[in-house]
C-alpha atoms as a PDB file:
ATOM      1  CA  MET A   1      13.460  29.726  -9.524  1.00  0.00           C
ATOM      2  CA  LYS A   2      16.437  31.834  -8.454  1.00  0.00           C
ATOM      3  CA  GLN A   3      19.259  31.879 -11.003  1.00  0.00           C
ATOM      4  CA  ILE A   4      22.947  32.139 -10.081  1.00  0.00           C
ATOM      5  CA  LYS A   5      25.483  33.865 -12.348  1.00  0.00           C
ATOM      6  CA  ILE A   6      28.780  31.988 -12.639  1.00  0.00           C
ATOM      7  CA  GLY A   7      31.687  34.380 -12.164  1.00  0.00           C
ATOM      8  CA  LYS A   8      32.117  36.840 -15.000  1.00  0.00           C
ATOM      9  CA  SER A   9      30.615  34.446 -17.568  1.00  0.00           C
ATOM     10  CA  ASP A  10      27.149  34.430 -19.126  1.00  0.00           C
ATOM     11  CA  VAL A  11      26.326  31.074 -17.493  1.00  0.00           C
ATOM     12  CA  TYR A  12      23.337  31.046 -15.131  1.00  0.00           C
ATOM     13  CA  THR A  13      22.278  28.055 -13.058  1.00  0.00           C
ATOM     14  CA  THR A  14      19.998  26.888 -10.290  1.00  0.00           C
ATOM     15  CA  PRO A  15      21.441  27.164  -6.740  1.00  0.00           C
ATOM     16  CA  LEU A  16      21.007  23.411  -6.258  1.00  0.00           C
ATOM     17  CA  GLY A  17      22.802  21.135  -8.679  1.00  0.00           C
ATOM     18  CA  LEU A  18      23.660  17.453  -8.878  1.00  0.00           C
ATOM     19  CA  GLY A  19      27.009  15.776  -8.351  1.00  0.00           C
ATOM     20  CA  THR A  20      27.196  12.791 -10.698  1.00  0.00           C
ATOM     21  CA  ASN A  21      30.080  10.640  -9.471  1.00  0.00           C
ATOM     22  CA  LYS A  22      27.491   7.902  -8.790  1.00  0.00           C
ATOM     23  CA  VAL A  23      26.246   8.146 -12.391  1.00  0.00           C
ATOM     24  CA  GLY A  24      28.448   5.661 -14.215  1.00  0.00           C
ATOM     25  CA  GLY A  25      31.226   5.968 -11.643  1.00  0.00           C
ATOM     26  CA  HIS A  26      31.855   2.228 -11.475  1.00  0.00           C
ATOM     27  CA  ASN A  27      35.528   2.802 -10.658  1.00  0.00           C
ATOM     28  CA  LEU A  28      34.525   4.816  -7.565  1.00  0.00           C
ATOM     29  CA  PHE A  29      31.495   2.970  -6.162  1.00  0.00           C
ATOM     30  CA  GLN A  30      30.407  -0.641  -6.033  1.00  0.00           C
ATOM     31  CA  ASN A  31      27.050  -2.003  -7.203  1.00  0.00           C
ATOM     32  CA  LEU A  32      25.995   0.992  -9.279  1.00  0.00           C
ATOM     33  CA  ASP A  33      23.024   0.414 -11.580  1.00  0.00           C
ATOM     34  CA  GLU A  34      23.375   2.428 -14.778  1.00  0.00           C
ATOM     35  CA  GLN A  35      19.602   2.624 -15.190  1.00  0.00           C
ATOM     36  CA  ASP A  36      19.474   4.379 -11.817  1.00  0.00           C
ATOM     37  CA  GLY A  37      21.909   6.902 -13.266  1.00  0.00           C
ATOM     38  CA  TYR A  38      19.671   7.615 -16.244  1.00  0.00           C
ATOM     39  CA  ASP A  39      16.584   7.832 -14.014  1.00  0.00           C
ATOM     40  CA  LEU A  40      18.094  10.168 -11.442  1.00  0.00           C
ATOM     41  CA  LEU A  41      19.279  12.609 -14.117  1.00  0.00           C
ATOM     42  CA  ARG A  42      15.776  12.762 -15.566  1.00  0.00           C
ATOM     43  CA  GLU A  43      14.301  13.186 -12.079  1.00  0.00           C
ATOM     44  CA  ALA A  44      16.671  16.100 -11.437  1.00  0.00           C
ATOM     45  CA  LEU A  45      15.484  17.867 -14.582  1.00  0.00           C
ATOM     46  CA  LYS A  46      11.863  17.133 -13.633  1.00  0.00           C
ATOM     47  CA  GLN A  47      12.505  18.773 -10.248  1.00  0.00           C
ATOM     48  CA  GLY A  48      13.981  21.886 -11.859  1.00  0.00           C
ATOM     49  CA  ILE A  49      17.630  21.047 -11.137  1.00  0.00           C
ATOM     50  CA  ASN A  50      19.525  21.954 -14.296  1.00  0.00           C
ATOM     51  CA  PHE A  51      23.176  21.843 -13.176  1.00  0.00           C
ATOM     52  CA  PHE A  52      25.091  18.561 -13.650  1.00  0.00           C
ATOM     53  CA  ASP A  53      28.636  18.332 -12.278  1.00  0.00           C
ATOM     54  CA  THR A  54      30.678  15.500 -13.759  1.00  0.00           C
ATOM     55  CA  ALA A  55      34.300  14.618 -14.568  1.00  0.00           C
ATOM     56  CA  TYR A  56      36.294  12.291 -16.792  1.00  0.00           C
ATOM     57  CA  VAL A  57      37.425  10.289 -13.756  1.00  0.00           C
ATOM     58  CA  TYR A  58      33.801   9.412 -12.908  1.00  0.00           C
ATOM     59  CA  GLY A  59      33.744   6.086 -14.698  1.00  0.00           C
ATOM     60  CA  LEU A  60      36.599   7.156 -16.999  1.00  0.00           C
ATOM     61  CA  GLY A  61      34.151   9.045 -19.177  1.00  0.00           C
ATOM     62  CA  ARG A  62      31.086   6.896 -18.545  1.00  0.00           C
ATOM     63  CA  SER A  63      29.338   9.540 -16.427  1.00  0.00           C
ATOM     64  CA  GLU A  64      29.762  12.046 -19.250  1.00  0.00           C
ATOM     65  CA  GLU A  65      28.381   9.523 -21.756  1.00  0.00           C
ATOM     66  CA  ILE A  66      25.240   8.887 -19.698  1.00  0.00           C
ATOM     67  CA  ILE A  67      24.643  12.622 -19.231  1.00  0.00           C
ATOM     68  CA  GLY A  68      25.119  13.065 -22.972  1.00  0.00           C
ATOM     69  CA  ASP A  69      22.519  10.382 -23.666  1.00  0.00           C
ATOM     70  CA  VAL A  70      19.940  11.953 -21.348  1.00  0.00           C
ATOM     71  CA  VAL A  71      20.416  15.547 -22.483  1.00  0.00           C
ATOM     72  CA  GLN A  72      19.532  14.561 -26.075  1.00  0.00           C
ATOM     73  CA  ASP A  73      15.886  14.455 -24.959  1.00  0.00           C
ATOM     74  CA  TYR A  74      15.897  17.986 -23.530  1.00  0.00           C
ATOM     75  CA  ASP A  75      16.528  21.578 -24.589  1.00  0.00           C
ATOM     76  CA  ARG A  76      20.333  21.735 -24.354  1.00  0.00           C
ATOM     77  CA  SER A  77      20.269  25.492 -23.709  1.00  0.00           C
ATOM     78  CA  LYS A  78      18.434  24.866 -20.429  1.00  0.00           C
ATOM     79  CA  VAL A  79      20.908  22.294 -19.062  1.00  0.00           C
ATOM     80  CA  ILE A  80      24.186  23.420 -17.486  1.00  0.00           C
ATOM     81  CA  ILE A  81      26.961  20.838 -17.788  1.00  0.00           C
ATOM     82  CA  ALA A  82      30.202  21.174 -15.830  1.00  0.00           C
ATOM     83  CA  THR A  83      32.980  18.667 -16.345  1.00  0.00           C
ATOM     84  CA  LYS A  84      36.573  18.311 -15.244  1.00  0.00           C
ATOM     85  CA  ALA A  85      39.809  16.755 -16.489  1.00  0.00           C
ATOM     86  CA  ALA A  86      43.430  16.380 -15.416  1.00  0.00           C
ATOM     87  CA  GLN A  87      44.060  12.609 -15.297  1.00  0.00           C
ATOM     88  CA  ASP A  88      46.062  11.577 -18.366  1.00  0.00           C
ATOM     89  CA  LYS A  89      45.043   8.057 -19.381  1.00  0.00           C
ATOM     90  CA  SER A  90      48.029   7.812 -21.753  1.00  0.00           C
ATOM     91  CA  HIS A  91      50.415   8.245 -18.783  1.00  0.00           C
ATOM     92  CA  ASP A  92      48.931   5.997 -16.081  1.00  0.00           C
ATOM     93  CA  MET A  93      46.419   8.697 -15.022  1.00  0.00           C
ATOM     94  CA  ALA A  94      49.177  11.143 -14.060  1.00  0.00           C
ATOM     95  CA  ILE A  95      47.938  14.699 -13.494  1.00  0.00           C
ATOM     96  CA  ASN A  96      48.526  16.784 -16.626  1.00  0.00           C
ATOM     97  CA  ASN A  97      47.674  20.462 -17.177  1.00  0.00           C
ATOM     98  CA  SER A  98      49.665  20.975 -20.369  1.00  0.00           C
ATOM     99  CA  PRO A  99      47.957  22.921 -23.196  1.00  0.00           C
ATOM    100  CA  GLU A 100      48.100  19.875 -25.468  1.00  0.00           C
ATOM    101  CA  PHE A 101      46.412  17.643 -22.902  1.00  0.00           C
ATOM    102  CA  ILE A 102      43.728  20.189 -21.973  1.00  0.00           C
ATOM    103  CA  LYS A 103      42.752  20.822 -25.595  1.00  0.00           C
ATOM    104  CA  LYS A 104      42.487  17.070 -26.203  1.00  0.00           C
ATOM    105  CA  ALA A 105      40.532  16.555 -22.959  1.00  0.00           C
ATOM    106  CA  VAL A 106      37.940  19.171 -23.929  1.00  0.00           C
ATOM    107  CA  ASP A 107      37.472  17.686 -27.406  1.00  0.00           C
ATOM    108  CA  GLU A 108      37.065  14.170 -26.004  1.00  0.00           C
ATOM    109  CA  ALA A 109      34.594  15.357 -23.352  1.00  0.00           C
ATOM    110  CA  LEU A 110      32.514  17.077 -26.046  1.00  0.00           C
ATOM    111  CA  LEU A 111      32.258  13.770 -27.909  1.00  0.00           C
ATOM    112  CA  ARG A 112      31.217  11.814 -24.818  1.00  0.00           C
ATOM    113  CA  LEU A 113      28.683  14.475 -23.825  1.00  0.00           C
ATOM    114  CA  LYS A 114      27.344  14.560 -27.399  1.00  0.00           C
ATOM    115  CA  THR A 115      27.288  18.341 -27.421  1.00  0.00           C
ATOM    116  CA  ASP A 116      29.171  21.131 -29.169  1.00  0.00           C
ATOM    117  CA  TYR A 117      29.880  23.161 -26.017  1.00  0.00           C
ATOM    118  CA  ILE A 118      30.516  22.629 -22.308  1.00  0.00           C
ATOM    119  CA  ASP A 119      29.117  25.245 -19.942  1.00  0.00           C
ATOM    120  CA  ILE A 120      31.889  24.991 -17.327  1.00  0.00           C
ATOM    121  CA  PHE A 121      35.221  23.236 -17.766  1.00  0.00           C
ATOM    122  CA  TYR A 122      37.457  22.742 -14.723  1.00  0.00           C
ATOM    123  CA  ILE A 123      41.077  21.774 -14.365  1.00  0.00           C
ATOM    124  CA  HIS A 124      40.344  18.908 -11.950  1.00  0.00           C
ATOM    125  CA  PHE A 125      43.726  18.907 -10.161  1.00  0.00           C
ATOM    126  CA  PRO A 126      46.859  21.043 -10.526  1.00  0.00           C
ATOM    127  CA  ASP A 127      49.988  19.402 -11.875  1.00  0.00           C
ATOM    128  CA  LYS A 128      53.476  20.219 -10.538  1.00  0.00           C
ATOM    129  CA  ASP A 129      54.981  21.827 -13.621  1.00  0.00           C
ATOM    130  CA  THR A 130      52.522  23.828 -15.733  1.00  0.00           C
ATOM    131  CA  PRO A 131      52.228  27.527 -14.811  1.00  0.00           C
ATOM    132  CA  LYS A 132      48.628  27.993 -13.675  1.00  0.00           C
ATOM    133  CA  ASP A 133      48.029  31.206 -15.629  1.00  0.00           C
ATOM    134  CA  GLU A 134      49.204  29.335 -18.750  1.00  0.00           C
ATOM    135  CA  VAL A 135      46.507  26.691 -18.149  1.00  0.00           C
ATOM    136  CA  ILE A 136      43.857  29.399 -17.921  1.00  0.00           C
ATOM    137  CA  GLU A 137      45.081  31.119 -21.097  1.00  0.00           C
ATOM    138  CA  THR A 138      44.694  27.761 -22.877  1.00  0.00           C
ATOM    139  CA  LEU A 139      41.128  27.476 -21.582  1.00  0.00           C
ATOM    140  CA  ASP A 140      40.464  31.083 -22.613  1.00  0.00           C
ATOM    141  CA  GLU A 141      41.479  30.197 -26.181  1.00  0.00           C
ATOM    142  CA  ILE A 142      39.089  27.237 -26.021  1.00  0.00           C
ATOM    143  CA  ARG A 143      36.357  29.532 -24.687  1.00  0.00           C
ATOM    144  CA  LYS A 144      36.893  32.023 -27.525  1.00  0.00           C
ATOM    145  CA  ALA A 145      36.509  29.084 -29.946  1.00  0.00           C
ATOM    146  CA  GLY A 146      33.048  28.470 -28.446  1.00  0.00           C
ATOM    147  CA  LYS A 147      33.782  25.039 -26.980  1.00  0.00           C
ATOM    148  CA  ILE A 148      33.377  26.118 -23.339  1.00  0.00           C
ATOM    149  CA  ARG A 149      31.529  29.006 -21.694  1.00  0.00           C
ATOM    150  CA  ALA A 150      33.163  29.362 -18.264  1.00  0.00           C
ATOM    151  CA  ILE A 151      36.569  28.501 -16.786  1.00  0.00           C
ATOM    152  CA  GLY A 152      37.049  26.689 -13.491  1.00  0.00           C
ATOM    153  CA  VAL A 153      39.709  25.116 -11.292  1.00  0.00           C
ATOM    154  CA  SER A 154      39.294  22.419  -8.650  1.00  0.00           C
ATOM    155  CA  ASN A 155      41.491  21.236  -5.757  1.00  0.00           C
ATOM    156  CA  PHE A 156      43.781  24.264  -6.177  1.00  0.00           C
ATOM    157  CA  SER A 157      45.427  25.918  -3.181  1.00  0.00           C
ATOM    158  CA  LEU A 158      44.786  29.629  -2.631  1.00  0.00           C
ATOM    159  CA  ASP A 159      48.209  30.502  -4.067  1.00  0.00           C
ATOM    160  CA  GLN A 160      47.487  28.361  -7.128  1.00  0.00           C
ATOM    161  CA  ILE A 161      44.086  30.029  -7.551  1.00  0.00           C
ATOM    162  CA  LYS A 162      45.747  33.457  -7.401  1.00  0.00           C
ATOM    163  CA  GLU A 163      48.318  32.403 -10.008  1.00  0.00           C
ATOM    164  CA  ALA A 164      45.574  30.969 -12.218  1.00  0.00           C
ATOM    165  CA  ASN A 165      43.541  34.163 -11.889  1.00  0.00           C
ATOM    166  CA  LYS A 166      46.483  36.466 -12.662  1.00  0.00           C
ATOM    167  CA  ASN A 167      44.594  37.884 -15.641  1.00  0.00           C
ATOM    168  CA  GLY A 168      41.139  37.748 -14.022  1.00  0.00           C
ATOM    169  CA  LYS A 169      39.848  34.892 -16.182  1.00  0.00           C
ATOM    170  CA  VAL A 170      38.827  32.292 -13.573  1.00  0.00           C
ATOM    171  CA  ASP A 171      35.032  32.138 -13.212  1.00  0.00           C
ATOM    172  CA  ILE A 172      34.530  29.381 -10.664  1.00  0.00           C
ATOM    173  CA  VAL A 173      36.362  27.254  -8.091  1.00  0.00           C
ATOM    174  CA  GLU A 174      35.299  23.849  -6.782  1.00  0.00           C
ATOM    175  CA  ASP A 175      36.879  22.800  -3.501  1.00  0.00           C
ATOM    176  CA  GLN A 176      36.110  20.863  -0.332  1.00  0.00           C
ATOM    177  CA  PHE A 177      33.816  22.733   2.041  1.00  0.00           C
ATOM    178  CA  SER A 178      31.097  21.745   4.480  1.00  0.00           C
ATOM    179  CA  LEU A 179      29.757  22.715   7.876  1.00  0.00           C
ATOM    180  CA  VAL A 180      32.494  20.514   9.373  1.00  0.00           C
ATOM    181  CA  HIS A 181      35.234  21.694   6.968  1.00  0.00           C
ATOM    182  CA  GLN A 182      35.279  25.512   6.961  1.00  0.00           C
ATOM    183  CA  ALA A 183      38.514  26.852   8.469  1.00  0.00           C
ATOM    184  CA  PRO A 184      40.860  25.459   5.745  1.00  0.00           C
ATOM    185  CA  VAL A 185      39.076  27.477   3.033  1.00  0.00           C
ATOM    186  CA  LYS A 186      38.211  30.657   4.959  1.00  0.00           C
ATOM    187  CA  GLU A 187      40.863  32.813   3.254  1.00  0.00           C
ATOM    188  CA  GLU A 188      40.106  31.212  -0.098  1.00  0.00           C
ATOM    189  CA  LEU A 189      36.421  32.132   0.126  1.00  0.00           C
ATOM    190  CA  LYS A 190      37.317  35.723   1.011  1.00  0.00           C
ATOM    191  CA  TYR A 191      39.553  35.970  -2.081  1.00  0.00           C
ATOM    192  CA  LEU A 192      36.877  34.456  -4.333  1.00  0.00           C
ATOM    193  CA  GLN A 193      34.220  36.905  -3.154  1.00  0.00           C
ATOM    194  CA  GLU A 194      36.577  39.865  -3.631  1.00  0.00           C
ATOM    195  CA  ASN A 195      37.356  38.737  -7.190  1.00  0.00           C
ATOM    196  CA  ASN A 196      33.858  37.803  -8.393  1.00  0.00           C
ATOM    197  CA  ILE A 197      34.693  34.096  -8.613  1.00  0.00           C
ATOM    198  CA  SER A 198      31.894  31.629  -7.911  1.00  0.00           C
ATOM    199  CA  PHE A 199      32.373  28.777  -5.448  1.00  0.00           C
ATOM    200  CA  VAL A 200      31.034  25.213  -5.511  1.00  0.00           C
ATOM    201  CA  PRO A 201      31.734  22.968  -2.514  1.00  0.00           C
ATOM    202  CA  PHE A 202      32.348  19.264  -2.940  1.00  0.00           C
ATOM    203  CA  PHE A 203      31.604  16.821  -0.101  1.00  0.00           C
ATOM    204  CA  PRO A 204      28.878  19.244   1.133  1.00  0.00           C
ATOM    205  CA  LEU A 205      27.318  16.464   3.213  1.00  0.00           C
ATOM    206  CA  ALA A 206      30.741  15.391   4.536  1.00  0.00           C
ATOM    207  CA  SER A 207      30.437  11.906   3.066  1.00  0.00           C
ATOM    208  CA  GLY A 208      27.159  11.236   4.903  1.00  0.00           C
ATOM    209  CA  LEU A 209      28.134  12.746   8.259  1.00  0.00           C
ATOM    210  CA  LEU A 210      25.716  15.674   7.803  1.00  0.00           C
ATOM    211  CA  THR A 211      22.700  13.684   6.630  1.00  0.00           C
ATOM    212  CA  GLY A 212      21.317  12.890  10.085  1.00  0.00           C
ATOM    213  CA  LYS A 213      21.832   9.144   9.764  1.00  0.00           C
ATOM    214  CA  TYR A 214      24.491   9.103  12.512  1.00  0.00           C
ATOM    215  CA  TYR A 215      24.107   9.707  16.241  1.00  0.00           C
ATOM    216  CA  LEU A 216      26.588  10.199  19.098  1.00  0.00           C
ATOM    217  CA  LYS A 217      26.745   6.434  19.742  1.00  0.00           C
ATOM    218  CA  ASP A 218      27.726   5.727  16.110  1.00  0.00           C
ATOM    219  CA  TRP A 219      31.379   6.894  16.164  1.00  0.00           C
ATOM    220  CA  ASP A 220      32.813   3.446  15.404  1.00  0.00           C
ATOM    221  CA  LYS A 221      30.234   2.858  12.699  1.00  0.00           C
ATOM    222  CA  PHE A 222      31.066   6.185  11.033  1.00  0.00           C
ATOM    223  CA  LYS A 223      34.829   5.809  11.447  1.00  0.00           C
ATOM    224  CA  ASN A 224      34.761   2.475   9.606  1.00  0.00           C
ATOM    225  CA  SER A 225      32.350   3.615   6.887  1.00  0.00           C
ATOM    226  CA  ASP A 226      33.360   4.823   3.410  1.00  0.00           C
ATOM    227  CA  GLY A 227      32.672   8.366   4.599  1.00  0.00           C
ATOM    228  CA  GLY A 228      34.824   7.895   7.659  1.00  0.00           C
ATOM    229  CA  GLN A 229      37.672   6.698   5.441  1.00  0.00           C
ATOM    230  CA  LEU A 230      37.343   9.796   3.253  1.00  0.00           C
ATOM    231  CA  LEU A 231      37.430  12.051   6.332  1.00  0.00           C
ATOM    232  CA  GLY A 232      40.370  10.114   7.711  1.00  0.00           C
ATOM    233  CA  ASP A 233      41.735  12.862   9.964  1.00  0.00           C
ATOM    234  CA  PHE A 234      38.367  13.457  11.628  1.00  0.00           C
ATOM    235  CA  SER A 235      38.763  12.967  15.399  1.00  0.00           C
ATOM    236  CA  GLU A 236      36.271  11.533  17.884  1.00  0.00           C
ATOM    237  CA  LYS A 237      36.017  14.975  19.534  1.00  0.00           C
ATOM    238  CA  GLN A 238      35.151  16.554  16.191  1.00  0.00           C
ATOM    239  CA  TYR A 239      32.583  13.825  15.628  1.00  0.00           C
ATOM    240  CA  GLU A 240      30.990  14.585  19.012  1.00  0.00           C
ATOM    241  CA  ASP A 241      30.872  18.312  18.186  1.00  0.00           C
ATOM    242  CA  ALA A 242      29.320  17.532  14.806  1.00  0.00           C
ATOM    243  CA  MET A 243      26.633  15.355  16.395  1.00  0.00           C
ATOM    244  CA  LYS A 244      25.725  18.165  18.820  1.00  0.00           C
ATOM    245  CA  GLY A 245      25.361  20.429  15.815  1.00  0.00           C
ATOM    246  CA  ILE A 246      23.207  17.872  14.016  1.00  0.00           C
ATOM    247  CA  ASP A 247      20.928  17.660  17.083  1.00  0.00           C
ATOM    248  CA  GLY A 248      20.377  21.411  16.741  1.00  0.00           C
ATOM    249  CA  ILE A 249      19.656  21.062  13.031  1.00  0.00           C
ATOM    250  CA  ARG A 250      17.103  18.319  13.766  1.00  0.00           C
ATOM    251  CA  LYS A 251      15.025  20.835  15.758  1.00  0.00           C
ATOM    252  CA  ILE A 252      15.149  23.406  12.950  1.00  0.00           C
ATOM    253  CA  ALA A 253      14.355  20.727  10.358  1.00  0.00           C
ATOM    254  CA  ALA A 254      11.292  19.635  12.350  1.00  0.00           C
ATOM    255  CA  ASP A 255       9.956  23.203  12.285  1.00  0.00           C
ATOM    256  CA  HIS A 256      10.157  23.105   8.475  1.00  0.00           C
ATOM    257  CA  GLN A 257       8.878  19.521   8.147  1.00  0.00           C
ATOM    258  CA  ALA A 258      12.192  18.818   6.455  1.00  0.00           C
ATOM    259  CA  THR A 259      15.009  16.304   6.816  1.00  0.00           C
ATOM    260  CA  VAL A 260      18.445  17.113   8.223  1.00  0.00           C
ATOM    261  CA  THR A 261      19.919  16.797   4.727  1.00  0.00           C
ATOM    262  CA  GLN A 262      17.402  19.230   3.250  1.00  0.00           C
ATOM    263  CA  THR A 263      18.064  21.719   6.046  1.00  0.00           C
ATOM    264  CA  VAL A 264      21.837  21.509   5.610  1.00  0.00           C
ATOM    265  CA  LEU A 265      21.440  22.056   1.850  1.00  0.00           C
ATOM    266  CA  ALA A 266      19.173  25.030   2.552  1.00  0.00           C
ATOM    267  CA  TRP A 267      21.921  26.516   4.757  1.00  0.00           C
ATOM    268  CA  TYR A 268      24.416  26.237   1.900  1.00  0.00           C
ATOM    269  CA  MET A 269      21.995  27.861  -0.527  1.00  0.00           C
ATOM    270  CA  ALA A 270      21.534  30.742   1.922  1.00  0.00           C
ATOM    271  CA  ASN A 271      25.300  31.165   2.374  1.00  0.00           C
ATOM    272  CA  PRO A 272      26.538  34.182   0.352  1.00  0.00           C
ATOM    273  CA  ALA A 273      29.953  32.547  -0.142  1.00  0.00           C
ATOM    274  CA  ILE A 274      28.436  29.580  -2.012  1.00  0.00           C
ATOM    275  CA  SER A 275      27.088  29.768  -5.563  1.00  0.00           C
ATOM    276  CA  VAL A 276      25.860  26.228  -6.214  1.00  0.00           C
ATOM    277  CA  VAL A 277      25.669  23.170  -3.962  1.00  0.00           C
ATOM    278  CA  ILE A 278      25.961  19.774  -5.688  1.00  0.00           C
ATOM    279  CA  PRO A 279      24.985  16.820  -3.466  1.00  0.00           C
ATOM    280  CA  GLY A 280      25.365  13.455  -5.118  1.00  0.00           C
ATOM    281  CA  ALA A 281      22.662  10.816  -5.381  1.00  0.00           C
ATOM    282  CA  ARG A 282      22.462   7.110  -6.128  1.00  0.00           C
ATOM    283  CA  ASN A 283      18.839   6.997  -7.288  1.00  0.00           C
ATOM    284  CA  ALA A 284      15.882   9.160  -8.307  1.00  0.00           C
ATOM    285  CA  ASP A 285      14.287   9.108  -4.830  1.00  0.00           C
ATOM    286  CA  GLN A 286      17.398  10.707  -3.319  1.00  0.00           C
ATOM    287  CA  VAL A 287      17.344  13.415  -5.999  1.00  0.00           C
ATOM    288  CA  LYS A 288      13.681  14.118  -5.306  1.00  0.00           C
ATOM    289  CA  SER A 289      14.379  14.355  -1.579  1.00  0.00           C
ATOM    290  CA  ASN A 290      17.338  16.686  -2.115  1.00  0.00           C
ATOM    291  CA  ALA A 291      15.267  18.875  -4.436  1.00  0.00           C
ATOM    292  CA  ALA A 292      12.825  19.529  -1.587  1.00  0.00           C
ATOM    293  CA  ALA A 293      15.604  21.625  -0.007  1.00  0.00           C
ATOM    294  CA  LEU A 294      14.696  24.324  -2.532  1.00  0.00           C
ATOM    295  CA  HIS A 295      11.507  24.893  -0.513  1.00  0.00           C
ATOM    296  CA  VAL A 296      13.186  25.098   2.914  1.00  0.00           C
ATOM    297  CA  ASN A 297      13.461  28.824   3.585  1.00  0.00           C
ATOM    298  CA  LEU A 298      15.560  29.377   6.691  1.00  0.00           C
ATOM    299  CA  THR A 299      15.017  32.559   8.692  1.00  0.00           C
ATOM    300  CA  THR A 300      18.033  34.752   9.383  1.00  0.00           C
ATOM    301  CA  ASP A 301      17.972  33.530  12.994  1.00  0.00           C
ATOM    302  CA  GLU A 302      17.904  29.875  11.910  1.00  0.00           C
ATOM    303  CA  TYR A 303      20.773  30.426   9.478  1.00  0.00           C
ATOM    304  CA  GLN A 304      22.854  32.080  12.189  1.00  0.00           C
ATOM    305  CA  GLN A 305      21.948  29.373  14.702  1.00  0.00           C
ATOM    306  CA  ILE A 306      23.290  26.664  12.375  1.00  0.00           C
ATOM    307  CA  ASP A 307      26.338  28.815  11.700  1.00  0.00           C
ATOM    308  CA  GLN A 308      26.978  29.059  15.449  1.00  0.00           C
ATOM    309  CA  LEU A 309      26.446  25.327  16.027  1.00  0.00           C
ATOM    310  CA  PHE A 310      29.374  24.594  13.714  1.00  0.00           C
ATOM    311  CA  SER A 311      31.556  27.602  14.565  1.00  0.00           C
ATOM    312  CA  ASN A 312      34.311  25.325  15.897  1.00  0.00           C
ATOM    313  CA  PHE A 313      34.914  23.970  12.419  1.00  0.00           C
END
């Protein structure tokens, strides 16, 4: 399977990963079954997906603990674990990027993950006070100590990314991007490509909008769904444009005997601006279905057709 190099690091991963906010993320989602979390992680590894993206805030460490449990049964060197921290539990979950907090956050994550190194460690959110290049220098010290292998930032503005990367030490950025959320990160993606920084989009399926489960008549249903709440500024006109795009994807998906979701994921994996795509999953069946996207090989014409269908975004 194709391997993706993360920034300037020696970390290599599969182009399709797994977002794990539904693994132990009881504070984020209702009615989660922890056994489903264990099962879907094992299914991912069975399917050849070796990249797990987690964070402290997913279950306040519980997601990391479950991943740590599962990875004990596998060759650690073949599993890529990315985690994130910024929420300071000792100060009512205020965002904290101070060197003291970051060092403590890494050590605590290592304990929960039951490992002696983390492949990618992200600053989950920027705080208001800490100079961003200072945060990265702290992480570089931690990297030199062997506790992490690659340095990332998440939810940073382009100016904050540039400040963080002042000394060329940022390997990867995770930010919101999808077929229906492109324009806000256009300049950011250009900067990342020019500076050999990998990019991972979150909300790649736009909170369910790009899975094919909605149709033109479903605007009210989507607007009032959890996904509609997350995409709160999404207008009815944008929804209509997205549904027209999805109709076009349905035709391409049918030619590949694939689902809309699998075809959208295949488009991301073919996009040169994207390093790894990390759809979430609630159970093992969803992971297995997502993994089938690895076998959807879009032609150049099909890739460009999808690109054109969503050019308004």
